[in-house]
Amino acid sequence: MDERILVPLDGSKVGEAALPHVEDLVSKLKPEVKAEVTLLQVLSPVQPPTVAGGQVPDIAYSEKQMEANKKEATNYLDKAGEALRRKGATVVSRVSVGNAAAEIAKAAEEINANVIAMSTHGRSGLSRWAFGSVSDKVLRREANIPIVMVRAPKETKKA
């Protein structure tokens, strides 16, 4: 039996908070159980607004910029997976473009994940309302797959 673990990462230290837990899980598997960890980064198809306040239209990345973003994300995921490789896991890097929660759910289904392990920023109140919660949306969407939510330590949030 193989374990297929999906780990969504957003490129931040907060996003990486689940990695040590996944490394620990992989190191505790029986030798006959193979672990395949898919590291996923979901890119937005539009550039962040450069003007504060008011209505700013979405501006899509150019094809050239999107390819550069995908390459940068792949390099980041490859580096993020180094410790998992040392623990004996097969690590797959995957980059997609779109809505983060939808792409995470889609990837989990496509790889037939046994578990999704992700960190949460731990936002509440107005901050959660303003920025949304990808982890909450994934949790509500993926009822059939166990989800491990790791709240990032406070010192990581400041970094």
N, C-alpha and C. Protein backbone atom coordinates (compact mmCIF):
# COMPACT_ATOMS: atom_id res chain seq x y z
N MET A 1 0.84 -1.18 0.00
CA MET A 1 0.00 0.00 0.00
C MET A 1 0.88 1.25 0.00
N ASP A 2 0.58 2.17 -0.85
CA ASP A 2 1.32 3.42 -0.93
C ASP A 2 0.52 4.54 -0.27
N GLU A 3 1.25 5.50 0.25
CA GLU A 3 0.64 6.71 0.82
C GLU A 3 0.86 7.84 -0.17
N ARG A 4 -0.20 8.50 -0.55
CA ARG A 4 -0.12 9.65 -1.46
C ARG A 4 -0.60 10.88 -0.69
N ILE A 5 0.34 11.78 -0.46
CA ILE A 5 0.07 12.96 0.37
C ILE A 5 0.19 14.20 -0.50
N LEU A 6 -0.83 15.05 -0.43
CA LEU A 6 -0.81 16.32 -1.15
C LEU A 6 -0.50 17.42 -0.15
N VAL A 7 0.51 18.24 -0.48
CA VAL A 7 0.90 19.35 0.40
C VAL A 7 0.87 20.64 -0.42
N PRO A 8 -0.20 21.43 -0.26
CA PRO A 8 -0.24 22.72 -0.95
C PRO A 8 0.69 23.72 -0.25
N LEU A 9 1.47 24.43 -1.03
CA LEU A 9 2.39 25.45 -0.49
C LEU A 9 2.14 26.75 -1.23
N ASP A 10 2.27 27.86 -0.50
CA ASP A 10 2.06 29.16 -1.14
C ASP A 10 3.34 29.98 -1.27
N GLY A 11 4.47 29.37 -0.94
CA GLY A 11 5.74 30.08 -1.07
C GLY A 11 6.17 30.82 0.19
N SER A 12 5.35 30.76 1.23
CA SER A 12 5.68 31.47 2.46
C SER A 12 6.16 30.49 3.53
N LYS A 13 6.81 31.02 4.57
CA LYS A 13 7.23 30.19 5.71
C LYS A 13 5.99 29.66 6.44
N VAL A 14 4.94 30.46 6.50
CA VAL A 14 3.70 30.01 7.11
C VAL A 14 3.16 28.80 6.35
N GLY A 15 3.19 28.88 5.04
CA GLY A 15 2.71 27.79 4.21
C GLY A 15 3.51 26.51 4.39
N GLU A 16 4.76 26.64 4.76
CA GLU A 16 5.64 25.48 4.93
C GLU A 16 5.51 24.82 6.30
N ALA A 17 4.65 25.34 7.16
CA ALA A 17 4.53 24.81 8.52
C ALA A 17 4.10 23.35 8.55
N ALA A 18 3.43 22.87 7.52
CA ALA A 18 2.99 21.47 7.49
C ALA A 18 4.12 20.52 7.12
N LEU A 19 5.17 21.02 6.48
CA LEU A 19 6.24 20.14 5.99
C LEU A 19 6.90 19.30 7.08
N PRO A 20 7.28 19.86 8.22
CA PRO A 20 7.90 19.01 9.26
C PRO A 20 6.97 17.88 9.71
N HIS A 21 5.67 18.12 9.74
CA HIS A 21 4.71 17.09 10.14
C HIS A 21 4.64 15.98 9.08
N VAL A 22 4.71 16.37 7.82
CA VAL A 22 4.71 15.37 6.75
C VAL A 22 6.01 14.58 6.77
N GLU A 23 7.13 15.25 7.01
CA GLU A 23 8.43 14.56 7.11
C GLU A 23 8.38 13.54 8.25
N ASP A 24 7.80 13.91 9.38
CA ASP A 24 7.69 13.01 10.51
C ASP A 24 6.82 11.81 10.16
N LEU A 25 5.71 12.06 9.49
CA LEU A 25 4.82 10.97 9.07
C LEU A 25 5.55 10.01 8.13
N VAL A 26 6.26 10.55 7.16
CA VAL A 26 6.98 9.73 6.19
C VAL A 26 8.04 8.88 6.90
N SER A 27 8.74 9.46 7.86
CA SER A 27 9.80 8.72 8.55
C SER A 27 9.25 7.59 9.42
N LYS A 28 7.96 7.64 9.77
CA LYS A 28 7.36 6.62 10.63
C LYS A 28 6.66 5.51 9.85
N LEU A 29 6.62 5.63 8.53
CA LEU A 29 5.97 4.59 7.72
C LEU A 29 6.81 3.32 7.72
N LYS A 30 6.15 2.20 7.61
CA LYS A 30 6.85 0.92 7.51
C LYS A 30 7.66 0.91 6.22
N PRO A 31 8.79 0.20 6.22
CA PRO A 31 9.66 0.19 5.03
C PRO A 31 8.95 -0.26 3.74
N GLU A 32 7.97 -1.13 3.87
CA GLU A 32 7.29 -1.62 2.67
C GLU A 32 6.26 -0.61 2.13
N VAL A 33 5.96 0.43 2.90
CA VAL A 33 5.01 1.46 2.46
C VAL A 33 5.79 2.58 1.79
N LYS A 34 5.44 2.83 0.56
CA LYS A 34 6.11 3.89 -0.19
C LYS A 34 5.29 5.18 -0.07
N ALA A 35 5.99 6.27 0.15
CA ALA A 35 5.32 7.57 0.28
C ALA A 35 5.58 8.40 -0.96
N GLU A 36 4.50 8.89 -1.55
CA GLU A 36 4.62 9.84 -2.66
C GLU A 36 3.98 11.14 -2.18
N VAL A 37 4.79 12.17 -2.12
CA VAL A 37 4.32 13.47 -1.66
C VAL A 37 4.29 14.41 -2.86
N THR A 38 3.11 14.95 -3.12
CA THR A 38 2.97 15.93 -4.19
C THR A 38 2.92 17.30 -3.56
N LEU A 39 3.90 18.12 -3.91
CA LEU A 39 3.94 19.51 -3.46
C LEU A 39 3.27 20.34 -4.54
N LEU A 40 2.27 21.10 -4.16
CA LEU A 40 1.47 21.87 -5.11
C LEU A 40 1.54 23.35 -4.79
N GLN A 41 1.78 24.14 -5.82
CA GLN A 41 1.64 25.58 -5.67
C GLN A 41 0.66 26.06 -6.73
N VAL A 42 -0.34 26.81 -6.30
CA VAL A 42 -1.35 27.34 -7.20
C VAL A 42 -1.05 28.82 -7.42
N LEU A 43 -0.88 29.16 -8.68
CA LEU A 43 -0.60 30.55 -9.05
C LEU A 43 -1.87 31.26 -9.47
N SER A 44 -1.94 32.52 -9.17
CA SER A 44 -3.06 33.33 -9.62
C SER A 44 -2.83 33.71 -11.08
N PRO A 45 -3.89 33.70 -11.90
CA PRO A 45 -3.72 34.09 -13.30
C PRO A 45 -3.63 35.61 -13.48
N VAL A 46 -3.92 36.36 -12.41
CA VAL A 46 -3.90 37.82 -12.52
C VAL A 46 -2.88 38.42 -11.57
N GLN A 47 -2.36 39.57 -11.98
CA GLN A 47 -1.37 40.27 -11.18
C GLN A 47 -2.03 40.92 -9.97
N PRO A 48 -1.31 41.01 -8.85
CA PRO A 48 -1.89 41.71 -7.71
C PRO A 48 -2.07 43.19 -8.05
N PRO A 49 -3.10 43.84 -7.50
CA PRO A 49 -3.32 45.26 -7.82
C PRO A 49 -2.13 46.11 -7.37
N THR A 50 -1.80 47.09 -8.18
CA THR A 50 -0.68 47.97 -7.84
C THR A 50 -1.16 49.30 -7.26
N VAL A 51 -2.47 49.51 -7.24
CA VAL A 51 -3.04 50.74 -6.71
C VAL A 51 -3.90 50.38 -5.51
N ALA A 52 -3.70 51.10 -4.42
CA ALA A 52 -4.48 50.83 -3.21
C ALA A 52 -5.83 51.54 -3.29
N GLY A 53 -6.87 50.87 -2.83
CA GLY A 53 -8.20 51.48 -2.79
C GLY A 53 -8.85 51.52 -4.16
N GLY A 54 -10.13 51.74 -4.15
CA GLY A 54 -10.86 51.87 -5.41
C GLY A 54 -10.95 50.57 -6.19
N GLN A 55 -11.62 50.61 -7.29
CA GLN A 55 -11.77 49.45 -8.15
C GLN A 55 -10.61 49.39 -9.14
N VAL A 56 -9.90 48.31 -9.14
CA VAL A 56 -8.78 48.11 -10.05
C VAL A 56 -9.10 46.88 -10.89
N PRO A 57 -9.07 47.00 -12.20
CA PRO A 57 -9.40 45.83 -13.02
C PRO A 57 -8.30 44.77 -12.91
N ASP A 58 -8.71 43.50 -13.02
CA ASP A 58 -7.74 42.41 -13.02
C ASP A 58 -6.92 42.48 -14.30
N ILE A 59 -5.61 42.33 -14.16
CA ILE A 59 -4.72 42.32 -15.31
C ILE A 59 -4.03 40.96 -15.34
N ALA A 60 -4.29 40.22 -16.39
CA ALA A 60 -3.71 38.88 -16.52
C ALA A 60 -2.21 39.00 -16.78
N TYR A 61 -1.48 38.01 -16.27
CA TYR A 61 -0.06 37.95 -16.58
C TYR A 61 0.12 37.64 -18.06
N SER A 62 1.18 38.15 -18.64
CA SER A 62 1.51 37.78 -20.01
C SER A 62 1.93 36.32 -20.02
N GLU A 63 1.88 35.69 -21.18
CA GLU A 63 2.28 34.29 -21.29
C GLU A 63 3.73 34.11 -20.84
N LYS A 64 4.58 35.06 -21.22
CA LYS A 64 6.00 34.99 -20.85
C LYS A 64 6.17 35.10 -19.33
N GLN A 65 5.43 36.03 -18.71
CA GLN A 65 5.54 36.19 -17.25
C GLN A 65 4.97 34.97 -16.53
N MET A 66 3.88 34.42 -17.05
CA MET A 66 3.29 33.24 -16.40
C MET A 66 4.26 32.06 -16.47
N GLU A 67 4.95 31.89 -17.59
CA GLU A 67 5.94 30.81 -17.70
C GLU A 67 7.07 31.03 -16.70
N ALA A 68 7.49 32.29 -16.53
CA ALA A 68 8.54 32.60 -15.55
C ALA A 68 8.04 32.30 -14.13
N ASN A 69 6.78 32.64 -13.84
CA ASN A 69 6.19 32.36 -12.53
C ASN A 69 6.15 30.85 -12.27
N LYS A 70 5.77 30.09 -13.29
CA LYS A 70 5.70 28.62 -13.15
C LYS A 70 7.07 28.03 -12.90
N LYS A 71 8.08 28.54 -13.60
CA LYS A 71 9.44 28.04 -13.42
C LYS A 71 9.93 28.36 -12.01
N GLU A 72 9.67 29.57 -11.54
CA GLU A 72 10.07 29.96 -10.19
C GLU A 72 9.36 29.09 -9.14
N ALA A 73 8.08 28.81 -9.36
CA ALA A 73 7.32 27.98 -8.43
C ALA A 73 7.87 26.55 -8.42
N THR A 74 8.19 26.01 -9.58
CA THR A 74 8.75 24.66 -9.67
C THR A 74 10.08 24.57 -8.94
N ASN A 75 10.93 25.57 -9.11
CA ASN A 75 12.21 25.60 -8.40
C ASN A 75 12.00 25.65 -6.89
N TYR A 76 11.05 26.47 -6.46
CA TYR A 76 10.73 26.57 -5.04
C TYR A 76 10.26 25.22 -4.49
N LEU A 77 9.34 24.56 -5.21
CA LEU A 77 8.81 23.28 -4.75
C LEU A 77 9.90 22.21 -4.70
N ASP A 78 10.78 22.21 -5.71
CA ASP A 78 11.87 21.23 -5.72
C ASP A 78 12.76 21.41 -4.48
N LYS A 79 13.04 22.65 -4.14
CA LYS A 79 13.87 22.93 -2.96
C LYS A 79 13.11 22.56 -1.67
N ALA A 80 11.82 22.88 -1.62
CA ALA A 80 11.02 22.58 -0.44
C ALA A 80 10.92 21.08 -0.18
N GLY A 81 11.05 20.27 -1.22
CA GLY A 81 10.92 18.83 -1.08
C GLY A 81 12.19 18.09 -0.73
N GLU A 82 13.32 18.80 -0.59
CA GLU A 82 14.60 18.13 -0.35
C GLU A 82 14.60 17.27 0.91
N ALA A 83 14.06 17.78 2.01
CA ALA A 83 14.06 17.02 3.27
C ALA A 83 13.18 15.77 3.14
N LEU A 84 12.09 15.88 2.42
CA LEU A 84 11.22 14.71 2.22
C LEU A 84 11.93 13.64 1.41
N ARG A 85 12.68 14.06 0.40
CA ARG A 85 13.46 13.09 -0.39
C ARG A 85 14.47 12.36 0.49
N ARG A 86 15.12 13.10 1.39
CA ARG A 86 16.10 12.48 2.30
C ARG A 86 15.43 11.47 3.22
N LYS A 87 14.14 11.65 3.51
CA LYS A 87 13.40 10.70 4.35
C LYS A 87 12.92 9.50 3.56
N GLY A 88 13.18 9.49 2.24
CA GLY A 88 12.81 8.34 1.42
C GLY A 88 11.54 8.50 0.61
N ALA A 89 10.92 9.66 0.68
CA ALA A 89 9.68 9.87 -0.07
C ALA A 89 10.00 10.21 -1.53
N THR A 90 9.10 9.80 -2.39
CA THR A 90 9.13 10.27 -3.77
C THR A 90 8.40 11.60 -3.76
N VAL A 91 9.02 12.64 -4.28
CA VAL A 91 8.42 13.97 -4.26
C VAL A 91 8.13 14.42 -5.68
N VAL A 92 6.91 14.85 -5.89
CA VAL A 92 6.47 15.35 -7.19
C VAL A 92 6.12 16.82 -7.00
N SER A 93 6.65 17.67 -7.87
CA SER A 93 6.31 19.09 -7.84
C SER A 93 5.24 19.36 -8.90
N ARG A 94 4.24 20.11 -8.50
CA ARG A 94 3.12 20.38 -9.41
C ARG A 94 2.71 21.84 -9.26
N VAL A 95 2.58 22.53 -10.38
CA VAL A 95 2.17 23.92 -10.39
C VAL A 95 0.90 24.02 -11.22
N SER A 96 -0.10 24.71 -10.69
CA SER A 96 -1.31 24.94 -11.45
C SER A 96 -1.70 26.41 -11.34
N VAL A 97 -2.64 26.80 -12.16
CA VAL A 97 -3.09 28.20 -12.21
C VAL A 97 -4.59 28.22 -12.00
N GLY A 98 -5.06 29.09 -11.11
CA GLY A 98 -6.50 29.22 -10.90
C GLY A 98 -6.83 29.53 -9.46
N ASN A 99 -8.04 29.14 -9.07
CA ASN A 99 -8.52 29.32 -7.72
C ASN A 99 -7.84 28.29 -6.82
N ALA A 100 -7.20 28.74 -5.75
CA ALA A 100 -6.38 27.84 -4.93
C ALA A 100 -7.18 26.66 -4.37
N ALA A 101 -8.31 26.92 -3.75
CA ALA A 101 -9.08 25.83 -3.14
C ALA A 101 -9.55 24.84 -4.19
N ALA A 102 -10.02 25.33 -5.31
CA ALA A 102 -10.50 24.44 -6.38
C ALA A 102 -9.36 23.61 -6.96
N GLU A 103 -8.20 24.22 -7.14
CA GLU A 103 -7.06 23.50 -7.71
C GLU A 103 -6.51 22.46 -6.73
N ILE A 104 -6.56 22.77 -5.45
CA ILE A 104 -6.11 21.80 -4.44
C ILE A 104 -7.04 20.58 -4.46
N ALA A 105 -8.34 20.83 -4.49
CA ALA A 105 -9.31 19.73 -4.54
C ALA A 105 -9.13 18.90 -5.81
N LYS A 106 -8.91 19.58 -6.92
CA LYS A 106 -8.71 18.89 -8.21
C LYS A 106 -7.46 18.02 -8.16
N ALA A 107 -6.37 18.57 -7.65
CA ALA A 107 -5.11 17.82 -7.58
C ALA A 107 -5.26 16.61 -6.67
N ALA A 108 -5.94 16.77 -5.54
CA ALA A 108 -6.14 15.65 -4.60
C ALA A 108 -6.88 14.51 -5.29
N GLU A 109 -7.87 14.87 -6.07
CA GLU A 109 -8.63 13.85 -6.79
C GLU A 109 -7.78 13.19 -7.88
N GLU A 110 -7.03 13.99 -8.63
CA GLU A 110 -6.24 13.46 -9.73
C GLU A 110 -5.13 12.51 -9.26
N ILE A 111 -4.53 12.81 -8.12
CA ILE A 111 -3.45 11.92 -7.64
C ILE A 111 -3.98 10.84 -6.71
N ASN A 112 -5.29 10.87 -6.46
CA ASN A 112 -5.92 9.90 -5.56
C ASN A 112 -5.25 9.97 -4.18
N ALA A 113 -5.17 11.18 -3.65
CA ALA A 113 -4.49 11.42 -2.38
C ALA A 113 -5.17 10.69 -1.23
N ASN A 114 -4.35 10.17 -0.32
CA ASN A 114 -4.85 9.57 0.92
C ASN A 114 -5.10 10.64 1.97
N VAL A 115 -4.33 11.73 1.87
CA VAL A 115 -4.43 12.82 2.85
C VAL A 115 -3.92 14.11 2.22
N ILE A 116 -4.51 15.21 2.67
CA ILE A 116 -4.02 16.55 2.32
C ILE A 116 -3.44 17.13 3.60
N ALA A 117 -2.21 17.59 3.56
CA ALA A 117 -1.58 18.21 4.73
C ALA A 117 -1.26 19.65 4.36
N MET A 118 -1.85 20.58 5.09
CA MET A 118 -1.62 21.99 4.76
C MET A 118 -1.62 22.83 6.02
N SER A 119 -0.99 23.97 5.91
CA SER A 119 -0.95 24.87 7.05
C SER A 119 -2.04 25.91 6.90
N THR A 120 -2.34 26.52 8.00
CA THR A 120 -3.32 27.60 8.01
C THR A 120 -2.68 28.81 8.66
N HIS A 121 -3.04 29.96 8.15
CA HIS A 121 -2.50 31.21 8.69
C HIS A 121 -3.12 31.53 10.05
N GLY A 122 -4.23 30.89 10.36
CA GLY A 122 -4.86 31.12 11.65
C GLY A 122 -5.56 32.46 11.75
N ARG A 123 -6.01 32.97 10.62
CA ARG A 123 -6.71 34.27 10.63
C ARG A 123 -8.11 34.10 11.21
N SER A 124 -8.59 35.19 11.78
CA SER A 124 -9.96 35.20 12.27
C SER A 124 -10.51 36.60 12.11
N GLY A 125 -11.80 36.74 12.32
CA GLY A 125 -12.42 38.05 12.29
C GLY A 125 -12.30 38.75 10.95
N LEU A 126 -12.00 40.04 11.00
CA LEU A 126 -11.93 40.84 9.78
C LEU A 126 -10.84 40.38 8.83
N SER A 127 -9.72 39.95 9.39
CA SER A 127 -8.61 39.49 8.55
C SER A 127 -9.05 38.29 7.71
N ARG A 128 -9.76 37.35 8.35
CA ARG A 128 -10.24 36.17 7.62
C ARG A 128 -11.27 36.57 6.58
N TRP A 129 -12.14 37.50 6.93
CA TRP A 129 -13.16 37.96 5.99
C TRP A 129 -12.51 38.64 4.79
N ALA A 130 -11.49 39.46 5.03
CA ALA A 130 -10.85 40.21 3.95
C ALA A 130 -10.01 39.32 3.06
N PHE A 131 -9.26 38.40 3.65
CA PHE A 131 -8.32 37.58 2.88
C PHE A 131 -8.86 36.20 2.53
N GLY A 132 -9.93 35.80 3.19
CA GLY A 132 -10.48 34.48 2.93
C GLY A 132 -9.63 33.41 3.60
N SER A 133 -10.06 32.21 3.49
CA SER A 133 -9.32 31.11 4.08
C SER A 133 -9.32 29.95 3.10
N VAL A 134 -8.20 29.77 2.42
CA VAL A 134 -8.08 28.67 1.48
C VAL A 134 -8.24 27.35 2.21
N SER A 135 -7.60 27.23 3.39
CA SER A 135 -7.68 25.97 4.12
C SER A 135 -9.13 25.65 4.51
N ASP A 136 -9.89 26.65 4.90
CA ASP A 136 -11.29 26.44 5.25
C ASP A 136 -12.09 25.98 4.03
N LYS A 137 -11.84 26.58 2.89
CA LYS A 137 -12.55 26.19 1.66
C LYS A 137 -12.19 24.76 1.25
N VAL A 138 -10.93 24.39 1.40
CA VAL A 138 -10.52 23.02 1.08
C VAL A 138 -11.17 22.05 2.05
N LEU A 139 -11.18 22.39 3.31
CA LEU A 139 -11.78 21.54 4.34
C LEU A 139 -13.26 21.27 4.03
N ARG A 140 -13.96 22.28 3.61
CA ARG A 140 -15.39 22.12 3.31
C ARG A 140 -15.62 21.37 2.00
N ARG A 141 -14.68 21.46 1.09
CA ARG A 141 -14.83 20.85 -0.23
C ARG A 141 -14.43 19.39 -0.24
N GLU A 142 -13.45 19.01 0.54
CA GLU A 142 -12.86 17.66 0.49
C GLU A 142 -13.33 16.79 1.64
N ALA A 143 -14.61 16.43 1.68
CA ALA A 143 -15.15 15.65 2.78
C ALA A 143 -14.65 14.21 2.79
N ASN A 144 -14.24 13.66 1.65
CA ASN A 144 -13.87 12.25 1.58
C ASN A 144 -12.39 11.97 1.80
N ILE A 145 -11.58 13.00 1.90
CA ILE A 145 -10.14 12.83 2.08
C ILE A 145 -9.74 13.44 3.42
N PRO A 146 -9.04 12.69 4.27
CA PRO A 146 -8.58 13.29 5.53
C PRO A 146 -7.68 14.50 5.25
N ILE A 147 -7.86 15.52 6.07
CA ILE A 147 -7.07 16.74 5.92
C ILE A 147 -6.40 17.04 7.25
N VAL A 148 -5.09 17.19 7.20
CA VAL A 148 -4.31 17.58 8.38
C VAL A 148 -4.05 19.07 8.26
N MET A 149 -4.58 19.83 9.20
CA MET A 149 -4.38 21.28 9.24
C MET A 149 -3.36 21.60 10.31
N VAL A 150 -2.34 22.33 9.93
CA VAL A 150 -1.29 22.71 10.87
C VAL A 150 -1.30 24.22 10.98
N ARG A 151 -1.50 24.71 12.19
CA ARG A 151 -1.46 26.15 12.41
C ARG A 151 0.00 26.56 12.56
N ALA A 152 0.40 27.54 11.78
CA ALA A 152 1.80 28.00 11.81
C ALA A 152 2.11 28.61 13.17
N PRO A 153 3.31 28.32 13.69
CA PRO A 153 3.71 28.95 14.96
C PRO A 153 3.73 30.48 14.83
N LYS A 154 3.48 31.16 15.91
CA LYS A 154 3.42 32.63 15.87
C LYS A 154 4.70 33.26 15.37
N GLU A 155 5.86 32.70 15.75
CA GLU A 155 7.13 33.28 15.29
C GLU A 155 7.29 33.16 13.78
N THR A 156 6.68 32.14 13.17
CA THR A 156 6.76 31.99 11.72
C THR A 156 5.91 33.04 11.04
N LYS A 157 4.79 33.40 11.63
CA LYS A 157 3.88 34.37 11.03
C LYS A 157 4.53 35.74 10.88
N LYS A 158 5.42 36.08 11.80
CA LYS A 158 6.08 37.37 11.75
C LYS A 158 7.14 37.45 10.67
N ALA A 159 7.68 36.30 10.27
CA ALA A 159 8.78 36.27 9.30
C ALA A 159 8.33 36.64 7.92
